[in-house]
């Protein structure tokens, strides 16, 4: 199953990419439920780098350490959990940035390994994640478009 959210913003792909490059300062303003973001290895958005973040989803604190696996400047960012157990359930998360005539389109995807029974049993949690992703998209749009 793939959880997906797409948002169009009036910003260049480079501006959006720089937002992600500066995640330590941007993380809390991106969403009110974002708690902290820290680079573990280095301080840049490159394949192989690690980061730690905390966020609250559906009232539950989520703590994750991730490794960036694929980074294409102004186009694509992908990372995976470093925890083997979490990685079995969520193998990767990505952001695709596609240029549009008046800005760009940002698509966030979370790959989740679950069968139909697991999806049904955890539907409330998945709905909360979808809501959080939608709010992240809306907040990115607001952040970029209020600068105009």
N, C-alpha and C. Protein backbone atom coordinates (compact mmCIF):
# COMPACT_ATOMS: atom_id res chain seq x y z
N UNK A 1 0.85 -1.16 0.00
CA UNK A 1 0.00 0.00 0.00
C UNK A 1 0.90 1.24 0.00
N UNK A 2 0.46 2.25 -0.74
CA UNK A 2 1.19 3.51 -0.77
C UNK A 2 0.25 4.62 -0.31
N UNK A 3 0.67 5.35 0.72
CA UNK A 3 -0.04 6.54 1.16
C UNK A 3 0.55 7.69 0.36
N UNK A 4 -0.30 8.48 -0.27
CA UNK A 4 0.20 9.51 -1.19
C UNK A 4 -0.58 10.80 -1.03
N UNK A 5 0.14 11.91 -1.10
CA UNK A 5 -0.46 13.24 -1.04
C UNK A 5 0.29 14.14 -2.00
N UNK A 6 -0.45 14.84 -2.86
CA UNK A 6 0.15 15.76 -3.83
C UNK A 6 -0.38 17.16 -3.60
N UNK A 7 0.54 18.12 -3.63
CA UNK A 7 0.20 19.52 -3.41
C UNK A 7 0.90 20.37 -4.46
N UNK A 8 0.18 21.31 -5.03
CA UNK A 8 0.79 22.29 -5.95
C UNK A 8 1.08 23.56 -5.17
N UNK A 9 2.29 24.07 -5.34
CA UNK A 9 2.68 25.31 -4.67
C UNK A 9 3.26 26.29 -5.69
N UNK A 10 3.11 27.56 -5.40
CA UNK A 10 3.69 28.59 -6.25
C UNK A 10 5.09 28.89 -5.75
N UNK A 11 5.99 27.97 -6.05
CA UNK A 11 7.40 28.10 -5.67
C UNK A 11 8.20 27.26 -6.66
N UNK A 12 9.44 27.63 -6.84
CA UNK A 12 10.28 26.87 -7.75
C UNK A 12 10.70 25.56 -7.10
N UNK A 13 11.03 24.53 -7.90
CA UNK A 13 11.55 23.30 -7.32
C UNK A 13 12.78 23.56 -6.44
N UNK A 14 13.62 24.52 -6.84
CA UNK A 14 14.80 24.85 -6.04
C UNK A 14 14.44 25.40 -4.67
N UNK A 15 13.40 26.25 -4.61
CA UNK A 15 12.97 26.79 -3.32
C UNK A 15 12.45 25.67 -2.41
N UNK A 16 11.69 24.75 -2.98
CA UNK A 16 11.16 23.63 -2.19
C UNK A 16 12.30 22.75 -1.71
N UNK A 17 13.23 22.46 -2.59
CA UNK A 17 14.38 21.63 -2.21
C UNK A 17 15.17 22.30 -1.08
N UNK A 18 15.39 23.60 -1.17
CA UNK A 18 16.12 24.32 -0.11
C UNK A 18 15.36 24.27 1.22
N UNK A 19 14.03 24.25 1.16
CA UNK A 19 13.22 24.10 2.36
C UNK A 19 13.59 22.79 3.06
N UNK A 20 13.69 21.71 2.28
CA UNK A 20 14.05 20.40 2.85
C UNK A 20 15.52 20.37 3.30
N UNK A 21 16.39 21.07 2.59
CA UNK A 21 17.80 21.15 3.01
C UNK A 21 17.94 21.81 4.38
N UNK A 22 17.06 22.73 4.70
CA UNK A 22 17.11 23.47 5.96
C UNK A 22 16.08 22.93 6.95
N UNK A 23 15.92 21.61 6.98
CA UNK A 23 14.86 21.00 7.77
C UNK A 23 14.98 21.26 9.26
N UNK A 24 16.20 21.38 9.80
CA UNK A 24 16.32 21.64 11.24
C UNK A 24 15.54 22.90 11.63
N UNK A 25 15.62 23.94 10.85
CA UNK A 25 14.88 25.17 11.19
C UNK A 25 13.45 25.14 10.67
N UNK A 26 13.17 24.42 9.59
CA UNK A 26 11.84 24.43 8.99
C UNK A 26 10.87 23.40 9.56
N UNK A 27 11.39 22.36 10.19
CA UNK A 27 10.54 21.26 10.64
C UNK A 27 9.40 21.72 11.56
N UNK A 28 9.67 22.50 12.61
CA UNK A 28 8.57 22.90 13.50
C UNK A 28 7.54 23.81 12.83
N UNK A 29 7.93 24.64 11.88
CA UNK A 29 6.96 25.52 11.24
C UNK A 29 6.19 24.83 10.12
N UNK A 30 6.68 23.66 9.70
CA UNK A 30 6.01 22.90 8.65
C UNK A 30 4.69 22.33 9.16
N UNK A 31 4.67 21.87 10.41
CA UNK A 31 3.45 21.29 10.98
C UNK A 31 3.49 21.45 12.49
N UNK A 32 2.38 21.85 13.12
CA UNK A 32 2.39 22.06 14.57
C UNK A 32 2.68 20.78 15.37
N UNK A 33 2.50 19.61 14.77
CA UNK A 33 2.78 18.35 15.46
C UNK A 33 4.22 17.87 15.25
N UNK A 34 5.02 18.64 14.54
CA UNK A 34 6.44 18.31 14.39
C UNK A 34 7.17 18.80 15.63
N UNK A 35 7.94 17.92 16.24
CA UNK A 35 8.61 18.23 17.51
C UNK A 35 10.06 18.62 17.29
N UNK A 36 10.84 17.74 16.66
CA UNK A 36 12.26 18.03 16.48
C UNK A 36 12.81 17.31 15.26
N UNK A 37 13.84 17.89 14.67
CA UNK A 37 14.57 17.28 13.56
C UNK A 37 16.05 17.58 13.79
N UNK A 38 16.87 16.54 13.73
CA UNK A 38 18.31 16.70 13.93
C UNK A 38 19.07 15.87 12.90
N UNK A 39 20.10 16.47 12.32
CA UNK A 39 21.00 15.70 11.46
C UNK A 39 21.91 14.88 12.37
N UNK A 40 22.10 13.62 12.06
CA UNK A 40 22.99 12.76 12.85
C UNK A 40 24.36 12.71 12.19
N UNK A 41 24.39 12.46 10.91
CA UNK A 41 25.64 12.43 10.13
C UNK A 41 25.66 13.66 9.25
N UNK A 42 26.57 14.54 9.48
CA UNK A 42 26.66 15.73 8.64
C UNK A 42 25.46 16.63 8.85
N UNK A 43 25.28 17.56 7.94
CA UNK A 43 24.16 18.49 8.01
C UNK A 43 23.65 18.82 6.62
N UNK A 44 23.60 17.80 5.78
CA UNK A 44 23.16 18.08 4.42
C UNK A 44 22.27 16.96 3.90
N UNK A 45 21.59 17.31 2.86
CA UNK A 45 20.66 16.39 2.22
C UNK A 45 21.42 15.62 1.14
N UNK A 46 22.03 14.50 1.57
CA UNK A 46 22.78 13.67 0.63
C UNK A 46 22.50 12.20 0.94
N UNK A 47 22.58 11.38 -0.09
CA UNK A 47 22.42 9.94 0.12
C UNK A 47 23.46 9.46 1.12
N UNK A 48 23.01 8.64 2.05
CA UNK A 48 23.89 8.09 3.07
C UNK A 48 23.83 8.84 4.39
N UNK A 49 23.37 10.11 4.37
CA UNK A 49 23.26 10.89 5.61
C UNK A 49 22.10 10.37 6.45
N UNK A 50 22.20 10.56 7.77
CA UNK A 50 21.15 10.13 8.69
C UNK A 50 20.57 11.34 9.41
N UNK A 51 19.28 11.21 9.76
CA UNK A 51 18.60 12.25 10.52
C UNK A 51 17.65 11.59 11.51
N UNK A 52 17.33 12.33 12.55
CA UNK A 52 16.39 11.88 13.58
C UNK A 52 15.25 12.90 13.64
N UNK A 53 14.01 12.40 13.72
CA UNK A 53 12.90 13.33 13.89
C UNK A 53 11.83 12.75 14.79
N UNK A 54 11.08 13.66 15.40
CA UNK A 54 9.94 13.30 16.24
C UNK A 54 8.74 14.10 15.77
N UNK A 55 7.60 13.43 15.76
CA UNK A 55 6.35 14.09 15.44
C UNK A 55 5.23 13.36 16.19
N UNK A 56 4.12 14.03 16.34
CA UNK A 56 2.96 13.43 17.00
C UNK A 56 1.88 13.22 15.95
N UNK A 57 1.41 11.99 15.84
CA UNK A 57 0.34 11.66 14.90
C UNK A 57 -0.73 10.91 15.68
N UNK A 58 -1.95 11.40 15.62
CA UNK A 58 -3.08 10.82 16.35
C UNK A 58 -2.79 10.70 17.84
N UNK A 59 -2.11 11.70 18.37
CA UNK A 59 -1.81 11.73 19.79
C UNK A 59 -0.66 10.85 20.23
N UNK A 60 -0.01 10.18 19.28
CA UNK A 60 1.11 9.29 19.62
C UNK A 60 2.42 9.89 19.12
N UNK A 61 3.41 9.93 20.00
CA UNK A 61 4.73 10.44 19.62
C UNK A 61 5.44 9.40 18.77
N UNK A 62 5.88 9.82 17.59
CA UNK A 62 6.63 8.97 16.68
C UNK A 62 8.09 9.43 16.70
N UNK A 63 9.01 8.51 16.90
CA UNK A 63 10.45 8.82 16.90
C UNK A 63 11.10 7.95 15.85
N UNK A 64 11.78 8.59 14.91
CA UNK A 64 12.39 7.82 13.82
C UNK A 64 13.77 8.33 13.49
N UNK A 65 14.66 7.40 13.25
CA UNK A 65 15.96 7.71 12.66
C UNK A 65 15.90 7.16 11.25
N UNK A 66 16.32 7.99 10.29
CA UNK A 66 16.23 7.60 8.88
C UNK A 66 17.57 7.83 8.18
N UNK A 67 17.75 7.11 7.09
CA UNK A 67 18.92 7.27 6.22
C UNK A 67 18.41 7.69 4.86
N UNK A 68 18.99 8.76 4.32
CA UNK A 68 18.61 9.21 2.98
C UNK A 68 19.24 8.25 1.98
N UNK A 69 18.42 7.70 1.10
CA UNK A 69 18.89 6.67 0.17
C UNK A 69 19.05 7.20 -1.26
N UNK A 70 18.26 8.21 -1.61
CA UNK A 70 18.36 8.77 -2.96
C UNK A 70 17.98 10.24 -2.89
N UNK A 71 18.86 11.08 -3.37
CA UNK A 71 18.62 12.52 -3.36
C UNK A 71 19.03 13.08 -4.72
N UNK A 72 18.08 13.70 -5.41
CA UNK A 72 18.34 14.38 -6.68
C UNK A 72 17.93 15.83 -6.48
N UNK A 73 18.90 16.71 -6.47
CA UNK A 73 18.67 18.12 -6.19
C UNK A 73 17.49 18.67 -7.00
N UNK A 74 16.60 19.36 -6.32
CA UNK A 74 15.42 20.01 -6.91
C UNK A 74 14.40 19.04 -7.49
N UNK A 75 14.55 17.72 -7.27
CA UNK A 75 13.65 16.76 -7.93
C UNK A 75 13.11 15.65 -7.03
N UNK A 76 13.98 15.07 -6.20
CA UNK A 76 13.55 13.85 -5.51
C UNK A 76 14.35 13.65 -4.22
N UNK A 77 13.63 13.24 -3.15
CA UNK A 77 14.25 12.93 -1.86
C UNK A 77 13.61 11.64 -1.37
N UNK A 78 14.45 10.67 -1.02
CA UNK A 78 13.93 9.40 -0.51
C UNK A 78 14.74 8.99 0.71
N UNK A 79 14.05 8.46 1.72
CA UNK A 79 14.74 7.98 2.91
C UNK A 79 14.04 6.74 3.44
N UNK A 80 14.79 6.01 4.28
CA UNK A 80 14.27 4.78 4.86
C UNK A 80 14.60 4.76 6.36
N UNK A 81 13.74 4.12 7.15
CA UNK A 81 14.04 3.99 8.58
C UNK A 81 15.30 3.14 8.78
N UNK A 82 16.08 3.49 9.79
CA UNK A 82 17.26 2.68 10.10
C UNK A 82 16.89 1.48 10.95
N UNK A 83 15.75 1.54 11.63
CA UNK A 83 15.27 0.42 12.44
C UNK A 83 14.82 -0.71 11.51
N UNK A 84 15.35 -1.90 11.73
CA UNK A 84 14.98 -3.05 10.90
C UNK A 84 13.48 -3.34 11.00
N UNK A 85 12.94 -3.29 12.21
CA UNK A 85 11.53 -3.58 12.40
C UNK A 85 10.64 -2.56 11.69
N UNK A 86 10.91 -1.29 11.89
CA UNK A 86 10.10 -0.26 11.22
C UNK A 86 10.30 -0.35 9.71
N UNK A 87 11.54 -0.63 9.28
CA UNK A 87 11.83 -0.76 7.85
C UNK A 87 11.08 -1.90 7.18
N UNK A 88 10.77 -2.94 7.93
CA UNK A 88 9.97 -4.03 7.36
C UNK A 88 8.55 -3.56 7.05
N UNK A 89 8.03 -2.67 7.89
CA UNK A 89 6.67 -2.17 7.69
C UNK A 89 6.61 -0.96 6.78
N UNK A 90 7.61 -0.09 6.89
CA UNK A 90 7.67 1.15 6.09
C UNK A 90 9.04 1.19 5.42
N UNK A 91 9.18 0.59 4.23
CA UNK A 91 10.50 0.52 3.61
C UNK A 91 11.06 1.86 3.13
N UNK A 92 10.20 2.80 2.75
CA UNK A 92 10.73 4.11 2.36
C UNK A 92 9.64 5.17 2.28
N UNK A 93 10.11 6.40 2.37
CA UNK A 93 9.27 7.59 2.25
C UNK A 93 9.95 8.49 1.22
N UNK A 94 9.17 9.12 0.36
CA UNK A 94 9.79 9.96 -0.66
C UNK A 94 8.99 11.24 -0.91
N UNK A 95 9.70 12.22 -1.45
CA UNK A 95 9.12 13.47 -1.92
C UNK A 95 9.60 13.67 -3.35
N UNK A 96 8.65 13.80 -4.26
CA UNK A 96 8.96 14.09 -5.66
C UNK A 96 8.55 15.52 -5.95
N UNK A 97 9.43 16.28 -6.58
CA UNK A 97 9.17 17.68 -6.90
C UNK A 97 9.16 17.81 -8.42
N UNK A 98 8.01 18.19 -8.97
CA UNK A 98 7.85 18.27 -10.43
C UNK A 98 7.55 19.73 -10.80
N UNK A 99 8.34 20.30 -11.72
CA UNK A 99 8.07 21.69 -12.14
C UNK A 99 6.73 21.81 -12.85
N UNK A 100 6.06 22.91 -12.61
CA UNK A 100 4.80 23.27 -13.28
C UNK A 100 4.96 24.71 -13.77
N UNK A 101 4.12 25.14 -14.71
CA UNK A 101 4.28 26.50 -15.26
C UNK A 101 4.28 27.61 -14.20
N UNK A 102 3.49 27.45 -13.14
CA UNK A 102 3.42 28.52 -12.14
C UNK A 102 3.97 28.08 -10.78
N UNK A 103 4.86 27.10 -10.77
CA UNK A 103 5.44 26.63 -9.51
C UNK A 103 5.89 25.18 -9.63
N UNK A 104 5.43 24.37 -8.70
CA UNK A 104 5.77 22.95 -8.76
C UNK A 104 4.73 22.13 -8.01
N UNK A 105 4.82 20.84 -8.24
CA UNK A 105 3.94 19.87 -7.59
C UNK A 105 4.82 19.00 -6.70
N UNK A 106 4.43 18.85 -5.44
CA UNK A 106 5.18 18.04 -4.48
C UNK A 106 4.32 16.83 -4.13
N UNK A 107 4.87 15.64 -4.35
CA UNK A 107 4.14 14.43 -4.00
C UNK A 107 4.92 13.68 -2.94
N UNK A 108 4.25 13.45 -1.82
CA UNK A 108 4.83 12.67 -0.73
C UNK A 108 4.24 11.26 -0.81
N UNK A 109 5.11 10.26 -0.72
CA UNK A 109 4.67 8.87 -0.75
C UNK A 109 5.29 8.11 0.42
N UNK A 110 4.45 7.33 1.08
CA UNK A 110 4.92 6.44 2.14
C UNK A 110 4.54 5.03 1.74
N UNK A 111 5.53 4.21 1.51
CA UNK A 111 5.30 2.81 1.17
C UNK A 111 5.09 2.04 2.47
N UNK A 112 3.97 1.34 2.55
CA UNK A 112 3.65 0.56 3.74
C UNK A 112 3.42 -0.89 3.32
N UNK A 113 4.08 -1.79 4.00
CA UNK A 113 3.88 -3.22 3.72
C UNK A 113 2.82 -3.75 4.68
N UNK A 114 1.66 -3.98 4.14
CA UNK A 114 0.58 -4.56 4.92
C UNK A 114 -0.39 -5.22 3.97
N UNK A 115 -0.97 -6.26 4.41
CA UNK A 115 -2.00 -6.91 3.61
C UNK A 115 -3.35 -6.27 3.89
N UNK A 116 -4.39 -6.77 3.26
CA UNK A 116 -5.72 -6.19 3.44
C UNK A 116 -6.21 -6.24 4.90
N UNK A 117 -5.88 -7.31 5.59
CA UNK A 117 -6.32 -7.42 6.99
C UNK A 117 -5.59 -6.40 7.85
N UNK A 118 -4.27 -6.26 7.64
CA UNK A 118 -3.49 -5.27 8.38
C UNK A 118 -3.96 -3.85 8.08
N UNK A 119 -4.29 -3.59 6.81
CA UNK A 119 -4.79 -2.27 6.43
C UNK A 119 -6.12 -1.98 7.12
N UNK A 120 -6.97 -2.99 7.19
CA UNK A 120 -8.27 -2.81 7.83
C UNK A 120 -8.12 -2.64 9.34
N UNK A 121 -7.28 -3.46 9.96
CA UNK A 121 -7.09 -3.39 11.41
C UNK A 121 -6.46 -2.05 11.84
N UNK A 122 -5.63 -1.48 10.98
CA UNK A 122 -4.91 -0.24 11.31
C UNK A 122 -5.46 0.97 10.56
N UNK A 123 -6.68 0.88 10.06
CA UNK A 123 -7.24 1.95 9.22
C UNK A 123 -7.28 3.29 9.94
N UNK A 124 -7.54 3.29 11.23
CA UNK A 124 -7.57 4.55 11.98
C UNK A 124 -6.21 5.22 11.98
N UNK A 125 -5.16 4.42 12.18
CA UNK A 125 -3.80 4.97 12.16
C UNK A 125 -3.43 5.46 10.76
N UNK A 126 -3.78 4.70 9.73
CA UNK A 126 -3.48 5.12 8.36
C UNK A 126 -4.26 6.38 8.00
N UNK A 127 -5.50 6.49 8.46
CA UNK A 127 -6.28 7.71 8.21
C UNK A 127 -5.62 8.92 8.89
N UNK A 128 -5.08 8.71 10.09
CA UNK A 128 -4.39 9.79 10.80
C UNK A 128 -3.12 10.22 10.05
N UNK A 129 -2.40 9.25 9.49
CA UNK A 129 -1.20 9.57 8.71
C UNK A 129 -1.59 10.32 7.45
N UNK A 130 -2.64 9.88 6.78
CA UNK A 130 -3.11 10.59 5.58
C UNK A 130 -3.48 12.04 5.91
N UNK A 131 -4.18 12.23 7.03
CA UNK A 131 -4.57 13.57 7.46
C UNK A 131 -3.32 14.42 7.73
N UNK A 132 -2.34 13.86 8.40
CA UNK A 132 -1.09 14.56 8.69
C UNK A 132 -0.38 14.95 7.39
N UNK A 133 -0.33 14.03 6.44
CA UNK A 133 0.30 14.31 5.15
C UNK A 133 -0.43 15.43 4.42
N UNK A 134 -1.76 15.40 4.44
CA UNK A 134 -2.55 16.45 3.79
C UNK A 134 -2.26 17.81 4.44
N UNK A 135 -2.20 17.83 5.77
CA UNK A 135 -1.89 19.07 6.48
C UNK A 135 -0.48 19.56 6.16
N UNK A 136 0.47 18.62 6.04
CA UNK A 136 1.83 19.03 5.65
C UNK A 136 1.82 19.70 4.28
N UNK A 137 1.06 19.14 3.34
CA UNK A 137 0.95 19.75 2.01
C UNK A 137 0.32 21.14 2.07
N UNK A 138 -0.76 21.25 2.82
CA UNK A 138 -1.43 22.55 2.96
C UNK A 138 -0.50 23.57 3.60
N UNK A 139 0.27 23.13 4.60
CA UNK A 139 1.19 24.05 5.28
C UNK A 139 2.34 24.47 4.38
N UNK A 140 2.85 23.53 3.56
CA UNK A 140 3.89 23.92 2.60
C UNK A 140 3.37 24.97 1.64
N UNK A 141 2.16 24.77 1.15
CA UNK A 141 1.54 25.74 0.24
C UNK A 141 1.45 27.11 0.92
N UNK A 142 0.97 27.13 2.15
CA UNK A 142 0.85 28.39 2.89
C UNK A 142 2.21 29.04 3.11
N UNK A 143 3.21 28.25 3.51
CA UNK A 143 4.55 28.79 3.77
C UNK A 143 5.12 29.46 2.53
N UNK A 144 5.00 28.80 1.39
CA UNK A 144 5.56 29.36 0.16
C UNK A 144 4.73 30.49 -0.42
N UNK A 145 3.42 30.37 -0.33
CA UNK A 145 2.58 31.36 -1.00
C UNK A 145 2.32 32.60 -0.16
N UNK A 146 2.56 32.55 1.13
CA UNK A 146 2.39 33.78 1.93
C UNK A 146 3.59 34.70 1.75
N UNK A 147 4.67 34.19 1.13
CA UNK A 147 5.86 35.03 0.86
C UNK A 147 5.65 35.94 -0.34
N UNK A 148 4.63 35.64 -1.14
CA UNK A 148 4.40 36.42 -2.37
C UNK A 148 4.04 37.85 -2.08
